[in-house]
Structure formats: C-alpha cells, structure tokens
Amino acid sequence: MGTQEGFLGGIQLAAREQPDPALGLGVPVARLRLGAFAASAAIAGLAGALGVELAQVADRLAGFAERQQAVDKARFDELEQRYR
C-alpha cells in the first residue's frame, strides 16, 4: 500500500527486518511494535463493532423491559411498605 516508501515506513521496516541495528541507530523498536499492535487492535475492535451493527446481532434495548420491570416492582414494594 505504499506505507514503506515514507520516512516512518522506512523506520518501521528497519525495526522489523533488523531490530538490533535499528535499535543501535536510536529507533525505538519496542515502542514501534507496541504502537503497531495497539493500532491493529483498535482497527479490529472498530471492525467488530461495525460488523455487529451491520449483522444486527446485538439489540441495544435487549433486557431493558426486564430491568425496568424489576425497578418498578422494587419501587412499588417500597411504597407499599411505607403506606401500610
């Protein structure tokens, strides 16, 4: 995709292919690897979230009615105890 043609791409390529000489030249190899891992995890997470939305697997309101009924019942029981 052309990411290796720029300055940062060259540094990343050097860190991947020959990490010891790159480290000797002051390239933060561990930081680059961690950054690449974090970026790929973020992209994968975004893709997963969009995939769930696209497939309509998850329902945002799933369980809302049951939770609301439980809250209403608890409130009713509390009021009933208060005014007995």
N, C-alpha and C. Protein backbone atom coordinates (compact mmCIF):
# COMPACT_ATOMS: atom_id res chain seq x y z
N MET A 1 0.82 -1.20 0.00
CA MET A 1 0.00 0.00 0.00
C MET A 1 0.85 1.25 0.00
N GLY A 2 2.12 1.13 -0.01
CA GLY A 2 2.98 2.30 -0.08
C GLY A 2 3.37 2.87 1.27
N THR A 3 3.13 2.16 2.35
CA THR A 3 3.48 2.70 3.66
C THR A 3 4.98 2.63 3.91
N GLN A 4 5.69 1.79 3.16
CA GLN A 4 7.13 1.65 3.38
C GLN A 4 7.93 2.69 2.61
N GLU A 5 7.29 3.50 1.80
CA GLU A 5 8.01 4.47 0.99
C GLU A 5 8.39 5.73 1.76
N GLY A 6 7.65 6.06 2.80
CA GLY A 6 7.92 7.27 3.57
C GLY A 6 8.98 7.05 4.63
N PHE A 7 9.24 8.12 5.36
CA PHE A 7 10.25 8.08 6.41
C PHE A 7 9.85 7.11 7.53
N LEU A 8 8.62 7.24 8.00
CA LEU A 8 8.15 6.37 9.08
C LEU A 8 8.08 4.92 8.61
N GLY A 9 7.68 4.71 7.37
CA GLY A 9 7.64 3.35 6.85
C GLY A 9 9.02 2.72 6.78
N GLY A 10 10.02 3.50 6.44
CA GLY A 10 11.39 3.00 6.42
C GLY A 10 11.89 2.62 7.81
N ILE A 11 11.52 3.43 8.79
CA ILE A 11 11.90 3.13 10.16
C ILE A 11 11.22 1.85 10.63
N GLN A 12 9.94 1.71 10.30
CA GLN A 12 9.21 0.50 10.69
C GLN A 12 9.78 -0.73 10.01
N LEU A 13 10.14 -0.59 8.75
CA LEU A 13 10.73 -1.71 8.02
C LEU A 13 12.07 -2.11 8.64
N ALA A 14 12.89 -1.12 8.98
CA ALA A 14 14.18 -1.41 9.61
C ALA A 14 13.98 -2.07 10.97
N ALA A 15 13.00 -1.62 11.73
CA ALA A 15 12.75 -2.20 13.05
C ALA A 15 12.24 -3.63 12.92
N ARG A 16 11.52 -3.92 11.85
CA ARG A 16 11.01 -5.28 11.68
C ARG A 16 12.07 -6.23 11.14
N GLU A 17 12.81 -5.78 10.15
CA GLU A 17 13.77 -6.66 9.48
C GLU A 17 15.07 -6.84 10.28
N GLN A 18 15.58 -5.75 10.84
CA GLN A 18 16.85 -5.81 11.58
C GLN A 18 16.72 -4.97 12.85
N PRO A 19 16.09 -5.54 13.89
CA PRO A 19 15.83 -4.74 15.08
C PRO A 19 17.08 -4.32 15.85
N ASP A 20 18.11 -5.16 15.87
CA ASP A 20 19.31 -4.79 16.64
C ASP A 20 20.04 -3.59 16.04
N PRO A 21 20.33 -3.59 14.72
CA PRO A 21 20.96 -2.38 14.16
C PRO A 21 20.06 -1.14 14.26
N ALA A 22 18.74 -1.32 14.11
CA ALA A 22 17.82 -0.18 14.22
C ALA A 22 17.84 0.38 15.63
N LEU A 23 17.90 -0.51 16.61
CA LEU A 23 17.99 -0.07 18.00
C LEU A 23 19.28 0.69 18.24
N GLY A 24 20.35 0.24 17.60
CA GLY A 24 21.63 0.92 17.72
C GLY A 24 21.61 2.31 17.11
N LEU A 25 20.76 2.52 16.11
CA LEU A 25 20.63 3.84 15.50
C LEU A 25 19.64 4.74 16.23
N GLY A 26 19.06 4.23 17.31
CA GLY A 26 18.16 5.06 18.11
C GLY A 26 16.69 4.91 17.77
N VAL A 27 16.35 3.89 17.00
CA VAL A 27 14.95 3.67 16.66
C VAL A 27 14.28 2.94 17.84
N PRO A 28 13.20 3.48 18.35
CA PRO A 28 12.52 2.84 19.50
C PRO A 28 11.71 1.62 19.03
N VAL A 29 12.38 0.50 18.91
CA VAL A 29 11.77 -0.70 18.33
C VAL A 29 10.57 -1.17 19.16
N ALA A 30 10.73 -1.25 20.47
CA ALA A 30 9.63 -1.72 21.32
C ALA A 30 8.42 -0.80 21.23
N ARG A 31 8.67 0.50 21.19
CA ARG A 31 7.57 1.45 21.08
C ARG A 31 6.86 1.33 19.74
N LEU A 32 7.62 1.10 18.67
CA LEU A 32 7.00 0.92 17.36
C LEU A 32 6.16 -0.35 17.32
N ARG A 33 6.66 -1.42 17.90
CA ARG A 33 5.90 -2.67 17.92
C ARG A 33 4.62 -2.52 18.75
N LEU A 34 4.74 -1.86 19.89
CA LEU A 34 3.57 -1.64 20.74
C LEU A 34 2.55 -0.76 20.03
N GLY A 35 3.04 0.27 19.35
CA GLY A 35 2.13 1.15 18.60
C GLY A 35 1.42 0.43 17.48
N ALA A 36 2.15 -0.43 16.77
CA ALA A 36 1.54 -1.20 15.68
C ALA A 36 0.50 -2.17 16.24
N PHE A 37 0.81 -2.79 17.37
CA PHE A 37 -0.14 -3.71 18.00
C PHE A 37 -1.40 -2.97 18.44
N ALA A 38 -1.22 -1.82 19.06
CA ALA A 38 -2.37 -1.04 19.54
C ALA A 38 -3.22 -0.54 18.38
N ALA A 39 -2.57 -0.10 17.31
CA ALA A 39 -3.32 0.37 16.15
C ALA A 39 -4.11 -0.77 15.51
N SER A 40 -3.49 -1.94 15.40
CA SER A 40 -4.21 -3.07 14.80
C SER A 40 -5.36 -3.53 15.70
N ALA A 41 -5.18 -3.46 17.02
CA ALA A 41 -6.26 -3.82 17.94
C ALA A 41 -7.42 -2.84 17.83
N ALA A 42 -7.11 -1.57 17.68
CA ALA A 42 -8.16 -0.56 17.54
C ALA A 42 -8.94 -0.77 16.24
N ILE A 43 -8.23 -1.06 15.17
CA ILE A 43 -8.90 -1.30 13.89
C ILE A 43 -9.77 -2.56 13.97
N ALA A 44 -9.26 -3.62 14.61
CA ALA A 44 -10.03 -4.85 14.76
C ALA A 44 -11.27 -4.63 15.62
N GLY A 45 -11.12 -3.85 16.69
CA GLY A 45 -12.27 -3.55 17.54
C GLY A 45 -13.33 -2.75 16.82
N LEU A 46 -12.90 -1.78 16.05
CA LEU A 46 -13.85 -0.99 15.26
C LEU A 46 -14.55 -1.85 14.23
N ALA A 47 -13.78 -2.72 13.57
CA ALA A 47 -14.38 -3.62 12.58
C ALA A 47 -15.39 -4.55 13.23
N GLY A 48 -15.07 -5.06 14.42
CA GLY A 48 -16.01 -5.92 15.12
C GLY A 48 -17.28 -5.20 15.52
N ALA A 49 -17.13 -3.98 16.01
CA ALA A 49 -18.31 -3.20 16.41
C ALA A 49 -19.19 -2.89 15.20
N LEU A 50 -18.56 -2.52 14.10
CA LEU A 50 -19.34 -2.23 12.90
C LEU A 50 -19.96 -3.50 12.33
N GLY A 51 -19.25 -4.62 12.44
CA GLY A 51 -19.79 -5.88 11.96
C GLY A 51 -21.02 -6.31 12.74
N VAL A 52 -21.00 -6.12 14.05
CA VAL A 52 -22.16 -6.45 14.88
C VAL A 52 -23.34 -5.58 14.50
N GLU A 53 -23.08 -4.31 14.28
CA GLU A 53 -24.15 -3.39 13.89
C GLU A 53 -24.70 -3.75 12.52
N LEU A 54 -23.81 -4.10 11.61
CA LEU A 54 -24.23 -4.46 10.26
C LEU A 54 -25.05 -5.74 10.25
N ALA A 55 -24.63 -6.73 11.02
CA ALA A 55 -25.35 -8.01 11.07
C ALA A 55 -26.58 -7.93 11.97
N GLN A 56 -26.72 -6.85 12.70
CA GLN A 56 -27.83 -6.64 13.63
C GLN A 56 -27.94 -7.79 14.62
N VAL A 57 -26.80 -8.19 15.16
CA VAL A 57 -26.75 -9.28 16.13
C VAL A 57 -27.14 -8.78 17.51
N ALA A 58 -26.68 -7.61 17.87
CA ALA A 58 -26.93 -7.07 19.21
C ALA A 58 -28.09 -6.09 19.16
N ASP A 59 -28.89 -6.14 20.19
CA ASP A 59 -30.00 -5.21 20.32
C ASP A 59 -29.69 -4.27 21.48
N ARG A 60 -29.68 -2.99 21.21
CA ARG A 60 -29.32 -2.02 22.24
C ARG A 60 -30.30 -2.04 23.41
N LEU A 61 -31.55 -2.40 23.16
CA LEU A 61 -32.56 -2.36 24.20
C LEU A 61 -32.84 -3.74 24.78
N ALA A 62 -32.00 -4.71 24.46
CA ALA A 62 -32.21 -6.06 24.97
C ALA A 62 -32.14 -6.05 26.50
N GLY A 63 -33.13 -6.60 27.13
CA GLY A 63 -33.16 -6.67 28.57
C GLY A 63 -33.67 -5.41 29.24
N PHE A 64 -33.96 -4.36 28.48
CA PHE A 64 -34.41 -3.11 29.08
C PHE A 64 -35.75 -3.27 29.78
N ALA A 65 -36.68 -3.97 29.15
CA ALA A 65 -38.01 -4.13 29.72
C ALA A 65 -37.94 -4.92 31.03
N GLU A 66 -37.11 -5.96 31.06
CA GLU A 66 -36.99 -6.76 32.28
C GLU A 66 -36.38 -5.94 33.42
N ARG A 67 -35.36 -5.15 33.09
CA ARG A 67 -34.74 -4.31 34.13
C ARG A 67 -35.73 -3.27 34.63
N GLN A 68 -36.50 -2.69 33.71
CA GLN A 68 -37.45 -1.67 34.10
C GLN A 68 -38.55 -2.25 34.97
N GLN A 69 -38.99 -3.47 34.65
CA GLN A 69 -40.00 -4.13 35.47
C GLN A 69 -39.47 -4.39 36.88
N ALA A 70 -38.23 -4.80 36.99
CA ALA A 70 -37.64 -5.07 38.30
C ALA A 70 -37.55 -3.78 39.12
N VAL A 71 -37.17 -2.68 38.47
CA VAL A 71 -37.09 -1.39 39.16
C VAL A 71 -38.48 -0.94 39.59
N ASP A 72 -39.46 -1.10 38.71
CA ASP A 72 -40.83 -0.70 39.04
C ASP A 72 -41.37 -1.52 40.21
N LYS A 73 -41.10 -2.83 40.21
CA LYS A 73 -41.58 -3.69 41.29
C LYS A 73 -40.91 -3.31 42.62
N ALA A 74 -39.63 -3.03 42.58
CA ALA A 74 -38.93 -2.63 43.80
C ALA A 74 -39.50 -1.32 44.33
N ARG A 75 -39.76 -0.39 43.45
CA ARG A 75 -40.32 0.91 43.86
C ARG A 75 -41.73 0.72 44.43
N PHE A 76 -42.53 -0.13 43.77
CA PHE A 76 -43.88 -0.40 44.25
C PHE A 76 -43.84 -1.04 45.64
N ASP A 77 -42.95 -2.02 45.81
CA ASP A 77 -42.83 -2.67 47.12
C ASP A 77 -42.42 -1.68 48.20
N GLU A 78 -41.51 -0.77 47.84
CA GLU A 78 -41.06 0.25 48.80
C GLU A 78 -42.22 1.16 49.20
N LEU A 79 -43.01 1.60 48.23
CA LEU A 79 -44.15 2.47 48.52
C LEU A 79 -45.23 1.74 49.31
N GLU A 80 -45.42 0.47 48.97
CA GLU A 80 -46.40 -0.31 49.68
C GLU A 80 -46.02 -0.48 51.15
N GLN A 81 -44.76 -0.71 51.43
CA GLN A 81 -44.30 -0.83 52.81
C GLN A 81 -44.45 0.50 53.56
N ARG A 82 -44.20 1.58 52.88
CA ARG A 82 -44.25 2.90 53.52
C ARG A 82 -45.67 3.27 53.93
N TYR A 83 -46.65 2.94 53.08
CA TYR A 83 -48.01 3.40 53.33
C TYR A 83 -48.93 2.32 53.87
N ARG A 84 -48.42 1.29 54.47
CA ARG A 84 -49.26 0.27 55.11
C ARG A 84 -49.78 0.74 56.41
